[in-house]
Amino acid sequence: MKNYIKLLVPVMLLSTPIAFAQSNNIDDEVVRENVAKYQIVELELEDDVRIMQETKAIYPVVFDESDENKVNQDRILVDPSLETTFKLDVDRDYDYEREITINYVRPENFNYDFMLTEEGLKVWLDDDGMMVKEIHMIDKNNKKKKVNMLTTKGMYNIILNNGETYEIEVKDMK
């Protein structure tokens, strides 16, 4: 009987903290996104013109559906979601005359090129034969209108010459 008590007491002491720790871990929230990168770039184009670009990349965490309810789940790499703010100063003072903030998912195989002007944000791409064919603005009634650049708040479709379509959202424009 004494041997059972000698074994039972350490087993009870060890199992209690483990059970307590496991019950706390179940209630914790799983982090679903990770801000991985923040970049600020300032360009001077002419004597009086400068452009500042601030980019925040968010890499979402996505788990493999076949690993559901398993302890060690595999993560799937997903294209990052970018929030970029462009600021334009045309007279070299402390105020920016034009500012635009956009959201988009950076595709795996290319990067967009952007240029902020006083009229709006130009979007183009020239990478391995892929080019921007058209830009469509989507209004509230889900109607599309062909435009040359991003000029107002809302959703835009970027259509490439190979037929692929990508979305860019203009969140804020001043």
C-alpha atoms as a PDB file:
ATOM      1  CA  MET A   1       0.000   0.000   0.000  1.00  0.00           C
ATOM      2  CA  LYS A   2       2.841   2.380   0.790  1.00  0.00           C
ATOM      3  CA  ASN A   3       4.276   1.794  -2.679  1.00  0.00           C
ATOM      4  CA  TYR A   4       0.995   2.860  -4.275  1.00  0.00           C
ATOM      5  CA  ILE A   5       0.911   6.060  -2.216  1.00  0.00           C
ATOM      6  CA  LYS A   6       4.519   6.810  -3.139  1.00  0.00           C
ATOM      7  CA  LEU A   7       3.574   6.513  -6.817  1.00  0.00           C
ATOM      8  CA  LEU A   8       0.173   8.157  -6.585  1.00  0.00           C
ATOM      9  CA  VAL A   9       1.266  11.410  -4.909  1.00  0.00           C
ATOM     10  CA  PRO A  10       3.941  12.371  -7.507  1.00  0.00           C
ATOM     11  CA  VAL A  11       1.632  11.395 -10.368  1.00  0.00           C
ATOM     12  CA  MET A  12      -1.149  13.609  -8.973  1.00  0.00           C
ATOM     13  CA  LEU A  13       1.217  16.507  -8.433  1.00  0.00           C
ATOM     14  CA  LEU A  14       2.616  16.286 -11.949  1.00  0.00           C
ATOM     15  CA  SER A  15      -0.711  15.802 -13.710  1.00  0.00           C
ATOM     16  CA  THR A  16      -2.466  18.774 -12.067  1.00  0.00           C
ATOM     17  CA  PRO A  17      -0.249  21.536 -13.544  1.00  0.00           C
ATOM     18  CA  ILE A  18      -0.265  19.858 -16.959  1.00  0.00           C
ATOM     19  CA  ALA A  19      -4.066  19.648 -17.013  1.00  0.00           C
ATOM     20  CA  PHE A  20      -4.305  23.268 -15.826  1.00  0.00           C
ATOM     21  CA  ALA A  21      -1.911  24.473 -18.549  1.00  0.00           C
ATOM     22  CA  GLN A  22      -3.780  22.591 -21.240  1.00  0.00           C
ATOM     23  CA  SER A  23      -7.132  24.056 -20.271  1.00  0.00           C
ATOM     24  CA  ASN A  24      -5.698  27.599 -20.508  1.00  0.00           C
ATOM     25  CA  ASN A  25      -4.211  27.010 -23.957  1.00  0.00           C
ATOM     26  CA  ILE A  26      -7.535  25.919 -25.425  1.00  0.00           C
ATOM     27  CA  ASP A  27      -9.189  29.249 -24.576  1.00  0.00           C
ATOM     28  CA  ASP A  28      -6.410  31.410 -26.065  1.00  0.00           C
ATOM     29  CA  GLU A  29      -7.013  33.026 -29.437  1.00  0.00           C
ATOM     30  CA  VAL A  30      -4.839  31.999 -32.344  1.00  0.00           C
ATOM     31  CA  VAL A  31      -3.040  34.880 -34.039  1.00  0.00           C
ATOM     32  CA  ARG A  32      -4.317  34.979 -37.616  1.00  0.00           C
ATOM     33  CA  GLU A  33      -2.104  37.655 -39.141  1.00  0.00           C
ATOM     34  CA  ASN A  34       1.415  38.913 -38.705  1.00  0.00           C
ATOM     35  CA  VAL A  35       2.615  42.381 -39.678  1.00  0.00           C
ATOM     36  CA  ALA A  36       5.922  41.503 -41.212  1.00  0.00           C
ATOM     37  CA  LYS A  37       7.189  44.592 -42.966  1.00  0.00           C
ATOM     38  CA  TYR A  38       6.930  48.362 -42.872  1.00  0.00           C
ATOM     39  CA  GLN A  39       8.797  50.458 -45.409  1.00  0.00           C
ATOM     40  CA  ILE A  40       9.084  54.207 -46.098  1.00  0.00           C
ATOM     41  CA  VAL A  41      10.599  55.427 -49.379  1.00  0.00           C
ATOM     42  CA  GLU A  42      11.080  59.067 -50.387  1.00  0.00           C
ATOM     43  CA  LEU A  43      11.811  60.029 -53.999  1.00  0.00           C
ATOM     44  CA  GLU A  44      12.815  63.397 -55.442  1.00  0.00           C
ATOM     45  CA  LEU A  45      11.747  63.668 -59.069  1.00  0.00           C
ATOM     46  CA  GLU A  46      12.487  67.266 -59.994  1.00  0.00           C
ATOM     47  CA  ASP A  47      13.725  70.341 -58.175  1.00  0.00           C
ATOM     48  CA  ASP A  48      10.408  70.988 -56.441  1.00  0.00           C
ATOM     49  CA  VAL A  49       8.655  67.598 -56.519  1.00  0.00           C
ATOM     50  CA  ARG A  50       8.990  64.818 -53.964  1.00  0.00           C
ATOM     51  CA  ILE A  51       6.952  61.675 -53.329  1.00  0.00           C
ATOM     52  CA  MET A  52       6.829  59.691 -50.109  1.00  0.00           C
ATOM     53  CA  GLN A  53       5.581  56.092 -50.076  1.00  0.00           C
ATOM     54  CA  GLU A  54       4.736  54.207 -46.858  1.00  0.00           C
ATOM     55  CA  THR A  55       3.958  50.500 -47.189  1.00  0.00           C
ATOM     56  CA  LYS A  56       2.713  48.093 -44.524  1.00  0.00           C
ATOM     57  CA  ALA A  57       2.652  44.400 -45.479  1.00  0.00           C
ATOM     58  CA  ILE A  58       0.385  41.978 -43.644  1.00  0.00           C
ATOM     59  CA  TYR A  59       1.057  38.296 -44.143  1.00  0.00           C
ATOM     60  CA  PRO A  60      -2.093  36.317 -43.224  1.00  0.00           C
ATOM     61  CA  VAL A  61      -1.683  33.003 -41.438  1.00  0.00           C
ATOM     62  CA  VAL A  62      -3.733  30.260 -43.095  1.00  0.00           C
ATOM     63  CA  PHE A  63      -3.820  26.697 -41.823  1.00  0.00           C
ATOM     64  CA  ASP A  64      -4.148  23.541 -43.922  1.00  0.00           C
ATOM     65  CA  GLU A  65      -7.757  22.302 -43.808  1.00  0.00           C
ATOM     66  CA  SER A  66      -6.652  18.653 -43.672  1.00  0.00           C
ATOM     67  CA  ASP A  67      -4.884  19.369 -40.345  1.00  0.00           C
ATOM     68  CA  GLU A  68      -8.034  20.646 -38.597  1.00  0.00           C
ATOM     69  CA  ASN A  69      -8.219  19.687 -34.892  1.00  0.00           C
ATOM     70  CA  LYS A  70      -4.596  18.532 -34.860  1.00  0.00           C
ATOM     71  CA  VAL A  71      -2.007  19.898 -32.461  1.00  0.00           C
ATOM     72  CA  ASN A  72       0.653  20.696 -35.068  1.00  0.00           C
ATOM     73  CA  GLN A  73      -1.066  22.291 -38.059  1.00  0.00           C
ATOM     74  CA  ASP A  74       0.758  23.140 -41.264  1.00  0.00           C
ATOM     75  CA  ARG A  75       0.666  26.780 -42.353  1.00  0.00           C
ATOM     76  CA  ILE A  76       0.104  27.737 -45.970  1.00  0.00           C
ATOM     77  CA  LEU A  77       2.007  30.668 -47.466  1.00  0.00           C
ATOM     78  CA  VAL A  78      -0.371  33.325 -48.817  1.00  0.00           C
ATOM     79  CA  ASP A  79       0.358  36.471 -50.851  1.00  0.00           C
ATOM     80  CA  PRO A  80       0.721  39.507 -48.562  1.00  0.00           C
ATOM     81  CA  SER A  81      -1.919  42.201 -48.262  1.00  0.00           C
ATOM     82  CA  LEU A  82      -0.384  45.661 -48.685  1.00  0.00           C
ATOM     83  CA  GLU A  83      -1.581  49.043 -47.462  1.00  0.00           C
ATOM     84  CA  THR A  84       0.370  51.793 -49.211  1.00  0.00           C
ATOM     85  CA  THR A  85       0.098  55.544 -48.705  1.00  0.00           C
ATOM     86  CA  PHE A  86       1.518  57.869 -51.351  1.00  0.00           C
ATOM     87  CA  LYS A  87       2.142  61.553 -50.580  1.00  0.00           C
ATOM     88  CA  LEU A  88       2.990  64.196 -53.194  1.00  0.00           C
ATOM     89  CA  ASP A  89       4.640  67.561 -52.498  1.00  0.00           C
ATOM     90  CA  VAL A  90       5.036  69.804 -55.545  1.00  0.00           C
ATOM     91  CA  ASP A  91       6.351  73.010 -53.953  1.00  0.00           C
ATOM     92  CA  ARG A  92       8.926  71.792 -51.372  1.00  0.00           C
ATOM     93  CA  ASP A  93       7.117  72.972 -48.270  1.00  0.00           C
ATOM     94  CA  TYR A  94       6.130  70.934 -45.227  1.00  0.00           C
ATOM     95  CA  ASP A  95       2.625  70.129 -46.492  1.00  0.00           C
ATOM     96  CA  TYR A  96       1.749  67.422 -48.974  1.00  0.00           C
ATOM     97  CA  GLU A  97      -0.657  68.595 -51.680  1.00  0.00           C
ATOM     98  CA  ARG A  98      -1.937  65.128 -52.613  1.00  0.00           C
ATOM     99  CA  GLU A  99      -2.294  61.931 -50.581  1.00  0.00           C
ATOM    100  CA  ILE A 100      -3.790  58.533 -51.442  1.00  0.00           C
ATOM    101  CA  THR A 101      -4.026  55.248 -49.504  1.00  0.00           C
ATOM    102  CA  ILE A 102      -4.620  51.963 -51.319  1.00  0.00           C
ATOM    103  CA  ASN A 103      -5.098  48.317 -50.302  1.00  0.00           C
ATOM    104  CA  TYR A 104      -4.251  45.388 -52.542  1.00  0.00           C
ATOM    105  CA  VAL A 105      -2.866  41.879 -52.485  1.00  0.00           C
ATOM    106  CA  ARG A 106       0.593  41.678 -54.018  1.00  0.00           C
ATOM    107  CA  PRO A 107       0.581  38.861 -56.561  1.00  0.00           C
ATOM    108  CA  GLU A 108       3.274  36.227 -56.307  1.00  0.00           C
ATOM    109  CA  ASN A 109       4.739  36.669 -59.775  1.00  0.00           C
ATOM    110  CA  PHE A 110       5.006  40.477 -60.198  1.00  0.00           C
ATOM    111  CA  ASN A 111       4.925  43.906 -58.556  1.00  0.00           C
ATOM    112  CA  TYR A 112       2.938  46.937 -59.658  1.00  0.00           C
ATOM    113  CA  ASP A 113       4.608  50.272 -60.388  1.00  0.00           C
ATOM    114  CA  PHE A 114       2.816  53.370 -59.093  1.00  0.00           C
ATOM    115  CA  MET A 115       3.299  57.096 -59.739  1.00  0.00           C
ATOM    116  CA  LEU A 116       1.301  59.738 -57.885  1.00  0.00           C
ATOM    117  CA  THR A 117       0.545  62.885 -59.879  1.00  0.00           C
ATOM    118  CA  GLU A 118      -1.681  65.870 -59.164  1.00  0.00           C
ATOM    119  CA  GLU A 119      -4.449  64.211 -61.233  1.00  0.00           C
ATOM    120  CA  GLY A 120      -4.328  60.775 -59.531  1.00  0.00           C
ATOM    121  CA  LEU A 121      -2.371  57.543 -59.109  1.00  0.00           C
ATOM    122  CA  LYS A 122      -1.017  55.898 -62.262  1.00  0.00           C
ATOM    123  CA  VAL A 123      -0.655  52.107 -62.248  1.00  0.00           C
ATOM    124  CA  TRP A 124       1.459  50.141 -64.692  1.00  0.00           C
ATOM    125  CA  LEU A 125       3.354  46.919 -65.023  1.00  0.00           C
ATOM    126  CA  ASP A 126       6.054  45.854 -67.430  1.00  0.00           C
ATOM    127  CA  ASP A 127       7.390  42.506 -66.281  1.00  0.00           C
ATOM    128  CA  ASP A 128       8.199  39.564 -68.577  1.00  0.00           C
ATOM    129  CA  GLY A 129       5.728  40.682 -71.227  1.00  0.00           C
ATOM    130  CA  MET A 130       2.857  41.301 -68.783  1.00  0.00           C
ATOM    131  CA  MET A 131       1.362  44.782 -69.019  1.00  0.00           C
ATOM    132  CA  VAL A 132      -1.672  46.621 -67.678  1.00  0.00           C
ATOM    133  CA  LYS A 133      -4.266  46.538 -70.440  1.00  0.00           C
ATOM    134  CA  GLU A 134      -7.145  48.418 -68.754  1.00  0.00           C
ATOM    135  CA  ILE A 135      -8.214  49.892 -65.432  1.00  0.00           C
ATOM    136  CA  HIS A 136     -11.901  49.760 -64.514  1.00  0.00           C
ATOM    137  CA  MET A 137     -13.505  51.719 -61.682  1.00  0.00           C
ATOM    138  CA  ILE A 138     -16.382  49.825 -60.000  1.00  0.00           C
ATOM    139  CA  ASP A 139     -19.172  52.114 -58.745  1.00  0.00           C
ATOM    140  CA  LYS A 140     -21.774  51.477 -56.018  1.00  0.00           C
ATOM    141  CA  ASN A 141     -24.137  49.761 -58.472  1.00  0.00           C
ATOM    142  CA  ASN A 142     -21.335  47.355 -59.500  1.00  0.00           C
ATOM    143  CA  LYS A 143     -21.016  48.993 -62.912  1.00  0.00           C
ATOM    144  CA  LYS A 144     -17.558  49.261 -64.442  1.00  0.00           C
ATOM    145  CA  LYS A 145     -16.132  52.358 -66.075  1.00  0.00           C
ATOM    146  CA  LYS A 146     -12.816  52.413 -67.937  1.00  0.00           C
ATOM    147  CA  VAL A 147     -10.347  54.962 -66.474  1.00  0.00           C
ATOM    148  CA  ASN A 148      -6.696  55.878 -66.982  1.00  0.00           C
ATOM    149  CA  MET A 149      -5.701  56.171 -63.318  1.00  0.00           C
ATOM    150  CA  LEU A 150      -7.025  55.897 -59.756  1.00  0.00           C
ATOM    151  CA  THR A 151      -8.703  59.223 -58.964  1.00  0.00           C
ATOM    152  CA  THR A 152     -11.445  58.646 -56.335  1.00  0.00           C
ATOM    153  CA  LYS A 153     -12.257  56.343 -53.423  1.00  0.00           C
ATOM    154  CA  GLY A 154     -13.573  52.929 -54.322  1.00  0.00           C
ATOM    155  CA  MET A 155     -12.696  49.628 -55.946  1.00  0.00           C
ATOM    156  CA  TYR A 156     -10.721  49.254 -59.181  1.00  0.00           C
ATOM    157  CA  ASN A 157     -10.033  46.243 -61.397  1.00  0.00           C
ATOM    158  CA  ILE A 158      -6.587  46.054 -62.973  1.00  0.00           C
ATOM    159  CA  ILE A 159      -6.806  43.928 -66.125  1.00  0.00           C
ATOM    160  CA  LEU A 160      -3.547  42.587 -67.557  1.00  0.00           C
ATOM    161  CA  ASN A 161      -2.859  41.736 -71.189  1.00  0.00           C
ATOM    162  CA  ASN A 162      -2.967  37.994 -70.372  1.00  0.00           C
ATOM    163  CA  GLY A 163      -6.567  38.326 -69.074  1.00  0.00           C
ATOM    164  CA  GLU A 164      -5.843  38.159 -65.333  1.00  0.00           C
ATOM    165  CA  THR A 165      -7.781  40.615 -63.151  1.00  0.00           C
ATOM    166  CA  TYR A 166      -6.639  42.043 -59.810  1.00  0.00           C
ATOM    167  CA  GLU A 167      -8.383  44.415 -57.409  1.00  0.00           C
ATOM    168  CA  ILE A 168      -7.083  47.585 -55.796  1.00  0.00           C
ATOM    169  CA  GLU A 169      -9.110  49.486 -53.218  1.00  0.00           C
ATOM    170  CA  VAL A 170      -8.598  53.217 -52.758  1.00  0.00           C
ATOM    171  CA  LYS A 171      -9.307  53.748 -49.041  1.00  0.00           C
ATOM    172  CA  ASP A 172      -8.528  57.422 -48.686  1.00  0.00           C
ATOM    173  CA  MET A 173      -7.776  60.296 -51.033  1.00  0.00           C
ATOM    174  CA  LYS A 174      -7.010  63.905 -50.121  1.00  0.00           C
END
